[in-house]
Amino acid sequence: MSLQHIEQHITELPNVTKLESFGYTFFFYGPEQVLPFVTFAASDNEHDNVSNLNRDGVFRVNIS
């Protein structure tokens, strides 16, 4: 399953908003946007460079 397919499915849910920052994509439920319920990381950055995400087709999904 591709990152785009998963992202499309999540954004089709009601009351979900998306925010991109620091190379991550955050998905929030409701207007408060306090804690994301899903986070995508598709590349390494200054906060995480040991995951080796800078490869084609590799990403990490965090679900809370």
PDB file of N, CA and C in Angstrom:
ATOM      1  N   MET A   1       0.853  -1.171   0.000  1.00  0.00           N
ATOM      2  CA  MET A   1       0.000   0.000   0.000  1.00  0.00           C
ATOM      3  C   MET A   1       0.900   1.237   0.000  1.00  0.00           C
ATOM      4  N   SER A   2       0.585   2.181  -0.849  1.00  0.00           N
ATOM      5  CA  SER A   2       1.424   3.375  -0.969  1.00  0.00           C
ATOM      6  C   SER A   2       1.055   4.418   0.088  1.00  0.00           C
ATOM      7  N   LEU A   3       1.987   5.308   0.325  1.00  0.00           N
ATOM      8  CA  LEU A   3       1.760   6.408   1.259  1.00  0.00           C
ATOM      9  C   LEU A   3       0.590   7.265   0.795  1.00  0.00           C
ATOM     10  N   GLN A   4       0.494   7.514  -0.490  1.00  0.00           N
ATOM     11  CA  GLN A   4      -0.590   8.325  -1.022  1.00  0.00           C
ATOM     12  C   GLN A   4      -1.950   7.658  -0.808  1.00  0.00           C
ATOM     13  N   HIS A   5      -2.015   6.349  -0.952  1.00  0.00           N
ATOM     14  CA  HIS A   5      -3.265   5.626  -0.748  1.00  0.00           C
ATOM     15  C   HIS A   5      -3.711   5.727   0.715  1.00  0.00           C
ATOM     16  N   ILE A   6      -2.801   5.540   1.636  1.00  0.00           N
ATOM     17  CA  ILE A   6      -3.131   5.640   3.058  1.00  0.00           C
ATOM     18  C   ILE A   6      -3.570   7.063   3.400  1.00  0.00           C
ATOM     19  N   GLU A   7      -2.834   8.052   2.885  1.00  0.00           N
ATOM     20  CA  GLU A   7      -3.169   9.456   3.144  1.00  0.00           C
ATOM     21  C   GLU A   7      -4.565   9.789   2.610  1.00  0.00           C
ATOM     22  N   GLN A   8      -4.879   9.326   1.427  1.00  0.00           N
ATOM     23  CA  GLN A   8      -6.204   9.573   0.852  1.00  0.00           C
ATOM     24  C   GLN A   8      -7.301   8.988   1.732  1.00  0.00           C
ATOM     25  N   HIS A   9      -7.092   7.770   2.211  1.00  0.00           N
ATOM     26  CA  HIS A   9      -8.090   7.124   3.069  1.00  0.00           C
ATOM     27  C   HIS A   9      -8.302   7.924   4.361  1.00  0.00           C
ATOM     28  N   ILE A  10      -7.221   8.372   4.974  1.00  0.00           N
ATOM     29  CA  ILE A  10      -7.331   9.124   6.229  1.00  0.00           C
ATOM     30  C   ILE A  10      -8.036  10.463   6.014  1.00  0.00           C
ATOM     31  N   THR A  11      -7.680  11.171   4.944  1.00  0.00           N
ATOM     32  CA  THR A  11      -8.277  12.487   4.722  1.00  0.00           C
ATOM     33  C   THR A  11      -9.749  12.411   4.324  1.00  0.00           C
ATOM     34  N   GLU A  12     -10.225  11.243   3.909  1.00  0.00           N
ATOM     35  CA  GLU A  12     -11.642  11.070   3.600  1.00  0.00           C
ATOM     36  C   GLU A  12     -12.496  10.863   4.848  1.00  0.00           C
ATOM     37  N   LEU A  13     -11.863  10.637   6.000  1.00  0.00           N
ATOM     38  CA  LEU A  13     -12.600  10.492   7.251  1.00  0.00           C
ATOM     39  C   LEU A  13     -13.177  11.849   7.649  1.00  0.00           C
ATOM     40  N   PRO A  14     -14.329  11.870   8.326  1.00  0.00           N
ATOM     41  CA  PRO A  14     -14.922  13.155   8.729  1.00  0.00           C
ATOM     42  C   PRO A  14     -14.090  13.862   9.800  1.00  0.00           C
ATOM     43  N   ASN A  15     -14.057  15.177   9.736  1.00  0.00           N
ATOM     44  CA  ASN A  15     -13.413  16.032  10.749  1.00  0.00           C
ATOM     45  C   ASN A  15     -11.906  15.833  10.870  1.00  0.00           C
ATOM     46  N   VAL A  16     -11.249  15.411   9.793  1.00  0.00           N
ATOM     47  CA  VAL A  16      -9.800  15.202   9.812  1.00  0.00           C
ATOM     48  C   VAL A  16      -9.121  16.331   9.050  1.00  0.00           C
ATOM     49  N   THR A  17      -8.079  16.892   9.660  1.00  0.00           N
ATOM     50  CA  THR A  17      -7.272  17.907   9.005  1.00  0.00           C
ATOM     51  C   THR A  17      -5.830  17.439   8.950  1.00  0.00           C
ATOM     52  N   LYS A  18      -5.078  17.998   8.010  1.00  0.00           N
ATOM     53  CA  LYS A  18      -3.689  17.585   7.773  1.00  0.00           C
ATOM     54  C   LYS A  18      -2.773  18.783   7.929  1.00  0.00           C
ATOM     55  N   LEU A  19      -1.607  18.550   8.540  1.00  0.00           N
ATOM     56  CA  LEU A  19      -0.592  19.581   8.705  1.00  0.00           C
ATOM     57  C   LEU A  19       0.756  18.963   8.365  1.00  0.00           C
ATOM     58  N   GLU A  20       1.560  19.643   7.547  1.00  0.00           N
ATOM     59  CA  GLU A  20       2.893  19.169   7.210  1.00  0.00           C
ATOM     60  C   GLU A  20       3.927  20.085   7.848  1.00  0.00           C
ATOM     61  N   SER A  21       4.900  19.470   8.546  1.00  0.00           N
ATOM     62  CA  SER A  21       5.932  20.247   9.226  1.00  0.00           C
ATOM     63  C   SER A  21       7.136  19.357   9.523  1.00  0.00           C
ATOM     64  N   PHE A  22       8.345  19.906   9.373  1.00  0.00           N
ATOM     65  CA  PHE A  22       9.597  19.201   9.682  1.00  0.00           C
ATOM     66  C   PHE A  22       9.728  17.878   8.932  1.00  0.00           C
ATOM     67  N   GLY A  23       9.132  17.761   7.752  1.00  0.00           N
ATOM     68  CA  GLY A  23       9.210  16.521   6.998  1.00  0.00           C
ATOM     69  C   GLY A  23       8.216  15.466   7.437  1.00  0.00           C
ATOM     70  N   TYR A  24       7.335  15.823   8.350  1.00  0.00           N
ATOM     71  CA  TYR A  24       6.294  14.914   8.821  1.00  0.00           C
ATOM     72  C   TYR A  24       4.941  15.393   8.317  1.00  0.00           C
ATOM     73  N   THR A  25       3.997  14.474   8.225  1.00  0.00           N
ATOM     74  CA  THR A  25       2.610  14.824   7.933  1.00  0.00           C
ATOM     75  C   THR A  25       1.783  14.373   9.130  1.00  0.00           C
ATOM     76  N   PHE A  26       1.057  15.303   9.729  1.00  0.00           N
ATOM     77  CA  PHE A  26       0.245  15.040  10.915  1.00  0.00           C
ATOM     78  C   PHE A  26      -1.227  15.078  10.539  1.00  0.00           C
ATOM     79  N   PHE A  27      -2.015  14.166  11.099  1.00  0.00           N
ATOM     80  CA  PHE A  27      -3.451  14.142  10.893  1.00  0.00           C
ATOM     81  C   PHE A  27      -4.148  14.302  12.236  1.00  0.00           C
ATOM     82  N   PHE A  28      -5.032  15.269  12.298  1.00  0.00           N
ATOM     83  CA  PHE A  28      -5.751  15.588  13.526  1.00  0.00           C
ATOM     84  C   PHE A  28      -7.233  15.330  13.341  1.00  0.00           C
ATOM     85  N   TYR A  29      -7.885  14.965  14.435  1.00  0.00           N
ATOM     86  CA  TYR A  29      -9.332  14.811  14.431  1.00  0.00           C
ATOM     87  C   TYR A  29      -9.940  15.966  15.212  1.00  0.00           C
ATOM     88  N   GLY A  30     -10.914  16.632  14.638  1.00  0.00           N
ATOM     89  CA  GLY A  30     -11.612  17.704  15.331  1.00  0.00           C
ATOM     90  C   GLY A  30     -10.865  19.025  15.262  1.00  0.00           C
ATOM     91  N   PRO A  31     -11.504  20.091  15.759  1.00  0.00           N
ATOM     92  CA  PRO A  31     -10.937  21.435  15.637  1.00  0.00           C
ATOM     93  C   PRO A  31      -9.802  21.750  16.613  1.00  0.00           C
ATOM     94  N   GLU A  32      -9.640  20.975  17.682  1.00  0.00           N
ATOM     95  CA  GLU A  32      -8.639  21.306  18.702  1.00  0.00           C
ATOM     96  C   GLU A  32      -7.209  21.163  18.194  1.00  0.00           C
ATOM     97  N   GLN A  33      -6.935  20.167  17.381  1.00  0.00           N
ATOM     98  CA  GLN A  33      -5.609  19.867  16.841  1.00  0.00           C
ATOM     99  C   GLN A  33      -4.533  19.855  17.919  1.00  0.00           C
ATOM    100  N   VAL A  34      -4.804  19.162  19.006  1.00  0.00           N
ATOM    101  CA  VAL A  34      -3.849  19.090  20.108  1.00  0.00           C
ATOM    102  C   VAL A  34      -2.825  17.985  19.865  1.00  0.00           C
ATOM    103  N   LEU A  35      -3.296  16.776  19.618  1.00  0.00           N
ATOM    104  CA  LEU A  35      -2.408  15.645  19.363  1.00  0.00           C
ATOM    105  C   LEU A  35      -2.841  14.955  18.075  1.00  0.00           C
ATOM    106  N   PRO A  36      -1.888  14.659  17.182  1.00  0.00           N
ATOM    107  CA  PRO A  36      -2.261  13.952  15.964  1.00  0.00           C
ATOM    108  C   PRO A  36      -2.590  12.487  16.277  1.00  0.00           C
ATOM    109  N   PHE A  37      -3.537  11.924  15.531  1.00  0.00           N
ATOM    110  CA  PHE A  37      -3.840  10.513  15.724  1.00  0.00           C
ATOM    111  C   PHE A  37      -3.083   9.644  14.729  1.00  0.00           C
ATOM    112  N   VAL A  38      -2.534  10.246  13.667  1.00  0.00           N
ATOM    113  CA  VAL A  38      -1.671   9.554  12.714  1.00  0.00           C
ATOM    114  C   VAL A  38      -0.563  10.515  12.307  1.00  0.00           C
ATOM    115  N   THR A  39       0.663   9.976  12.210  1.00  0.00           N
ATOM    116  CA  THR A  39       1.802  10.750  11.740  1.00  0.00           C
ATOM    117  C   THR A  39       2.548   9.941  10.694  1.00  0.00           C
ATOM    118  N   PHE A  40       2.905  10.575   9.570  1.00  0.00           N
ATOM    119  CA  PHE A  40       3.734   9.957   8.539  1.00  0.00           C
ATOM    120  C   PHE A  40       5.104  10.608   8.570  1.00  0.00           C
ATOM    121  N   ALA A  41       6.123   9.789   8.455  1.00  0.00           N
ATOM    122  CA  ALA A  41       7.481  10.286   8.255  1.00  0.00           C
ATOM    123  C   ALA A  41       8.003   9.603   6.997  1.00  0.00           C
ATOM    124  N   ALA A  42       8.350  10.395   5.985  1.00  0.00           N
ATOM    125  CA  ALA A  42       8.781   9.825   4.711  1.00  0.00           C
ATOM    126  C   ALA A  42      10.234  10.146   4.376  1.00  0.00           C
ATOM    127  N   SER A  43      10.908  10.858   5.269  1.00  0.00           N
ATOM    128  CA  SER A  43      12.316  11.163   5.048  1.00  0.00           C
ATOM    129  C   SER A  43      12.991  11.433   6.383  1.00  0.00           C
ATOM    130  N   ASP A  44      14.295  11.270   6.396  1.00  0.00           N
ATOM    131  CA  ASP A  44      15.052  11.602   7.599  1.00  0.00           C
ATOM    132  C   ASP A  44      15.091  13.120   7.750  1.00  0.00           C
ATOM    133  N   ASN A  45      15.275  13.552   8.989  1.00  0.00           N
ATOM    134  CA  ASN A  45      15.442  14.981   9.255  1.00  0.00           C
ATOM    135  C   ASN A  45      16.341  15.129  10.475  1.00  0.00           C
ATOM    136  N   GLU A  46      16.512  16.342  10.950  1.00  0.00           N
ATOM    137  CA  GLU A  46      17.428  16.590  12.075  1.00  0.00           C
ATOM    138  C   GLU A  46      16.984  15.920  13.368  1.00  0.00           C
ATOM    139  N   HIS A  47      15.700  15.568  13.496  1.00  0.00           N
ATOM    140  CA  HIS A  47      15.185  14.943  14.701  1.00  0.00           C
ATOM    141  C   HIS A  47      15.263  13.416  14.638  1.00  0.00           C
ATOM    142  N   ASP A  48      15.391  12.858  13.439  1.00  0.00           N
ATOM    143  CA  ASP A  48      15.485  11.411  13.270  1.00  0.00           C
ATOM    144  C   ASP A  48      16.240  11.111  11.991  1.00  0.00           C
ATOM    145  N   ASN A  49      17.483  10.706  12.136  1.00  0.00           N
ATOM    146  CA  ASN A  49      18.250  10.319  10.961  1.00  0.00           C
ATOM    147  C   ASN A  49      18.721   8.869  11.038  1.00  0.00           C
ATOM    148  N   VAL A  50      18.299   8.129  12.055  1.00  0.00           N
ATOM    149  CA  VAL A  50      18.692   6.723  12.180  1.00  0.00           C
ATOM    150  C   VAL A  50      17.682   5.774  11.541  1.00  0.00           C
ATOM    151  N   SER A  51      16.498   6.275  11.191  1.00  0.00           N
ATOM    152  CA  SER A  51      15.481   5.412  10.581  1.00  0.00           C
ATOM    153  C   SER A  51      15.780   5.078   9.125  1.00  0.00           C
ATOM    154  N   ASN A  52      16.672   5.834   8.504  1.00  0.00           N
ATOM    155  CA  ASN A  52      17.042   5.607   7.105  1.00  0.00           C
ATOM    156  C   ASN A  52      15.818   5.625   6.194  1.00  0.00           C
ATOM    157  N   LEU A  53      15.005   6.671   6.339  1.00  0.00           N
ATOM    158  CA  LEU A  53      13.784   6.796   5.552  1.00  0.00           C
ATOM    159  C   LEU A  53      14.025   7.444   4.190  1.00  0.00           C
ATOM    160  N   ASN A  54      15.233   7.849   3.903  1.00  0.00           N
ATOM    161  CA  ASN A  54      15.536   8.520   2.635  1.00  0.00           C
ATOM    162  C   ASN A  54      15.723   7.523   1.495  1.00  0.00           C
ATOM    163  N   ARG A  55      14.866   6.523   1.445  1.00  0.00           N
ATOM    164  CA  ARG A  55      14.895   5.531   0.373  1.00  0.00           C
ATOM    165  C   ARG A  55      13.545   5.532  -0.330  1.00  0.00           C
ATOM    166  N   ASP A  56      13.544   5.253  -1.608  1.00  0.00           N
ATOM    167  CA  ASP A  56      12.295   5.237  -2.375  1.00  0.00           C
ATOM    168  C   ASP A  56      11.303   4.247  -1.794  1.00  0.00           C
ATOM    169  N   GLY A  57      10.064   4.703  -1.592  1.00  0.00           N
ATOM    170  CA  GLY A  57       8.990   3.835  -1.136  1.00  0.00           C
ATOM    171  C   GLY A  57       9.005   3.482   0.338  1.00  0.00           C
ATOM    172  N   VAL A  58       9.921   4.075   1.113  1.00  0.00           N
ATOM    173  CA  VAL A  58      10.035   3.761   2.538  1.00  0.00           C
ATOM    174  C   VAL A  58       9.434   4.904   3.349  1.00  0.00           C
ATOM    175  N   PHE A  59       8.603   4.563   4.316  1.00  0.00           N
ATOM    176  CA  PHE A  59       8.006   5.558   5.200  1.00  0.00           C
ATOM    177  C   PHE A  59       7.632   4.897   6.508  1.00  0.00           C
ATOM    178  N   ARG A  60       7.352   5.713   7.508  1.00  0.00           N
ATOM    179  CA  ARG A  60       6.925   5.210   8.822  1.00  0.00           C
ATOM    180  C   ARG A  60       5.565   5.820   9.121  1.00  0.00           C
ATOM    181  N   VAL A  61       4.674   5.003   9.649  1.00  0.00           N
ATOM    182  CA  VAL A  61       3.350   5.468  10.058  1.00  0.00           C
ATOM    183  C   VAL A  61       3.233   5.247  11.550  1.00  0.00           C
ATOM    184  N   ASN A  62       2.931   6.300  12.298  1.00  0.00           N
ATOM    185  CA  ASN A  62       2.673   6.198  13.732  1.00  0.00           C
ATOM    186  C   ASN A  62       1.172   6.405  13.935  1.00  0.00           C
ATOM    187  N   ILE A  63       0.533   5.483  14.618  1.00  0.00           N
ATOM    188  CA  ILE A  63      -0.905   5.576  14.881  1.00  0.00           C
ATOM    189  C   ILE A  63      -1.119   5.534  16.387  1.00  0.00           C
ATOM    190  N   SER A  64      -1.880   6.507  16.874  1.00  0.00           N
ATOM    191  CA  SER A  64      -2.153   6.509  18.325  1.00  0.00           C
ATOM    192  C   SER A  64      -3.586   6.159  18.598  1.00  0.00           C
TER     193      SER A  64
END
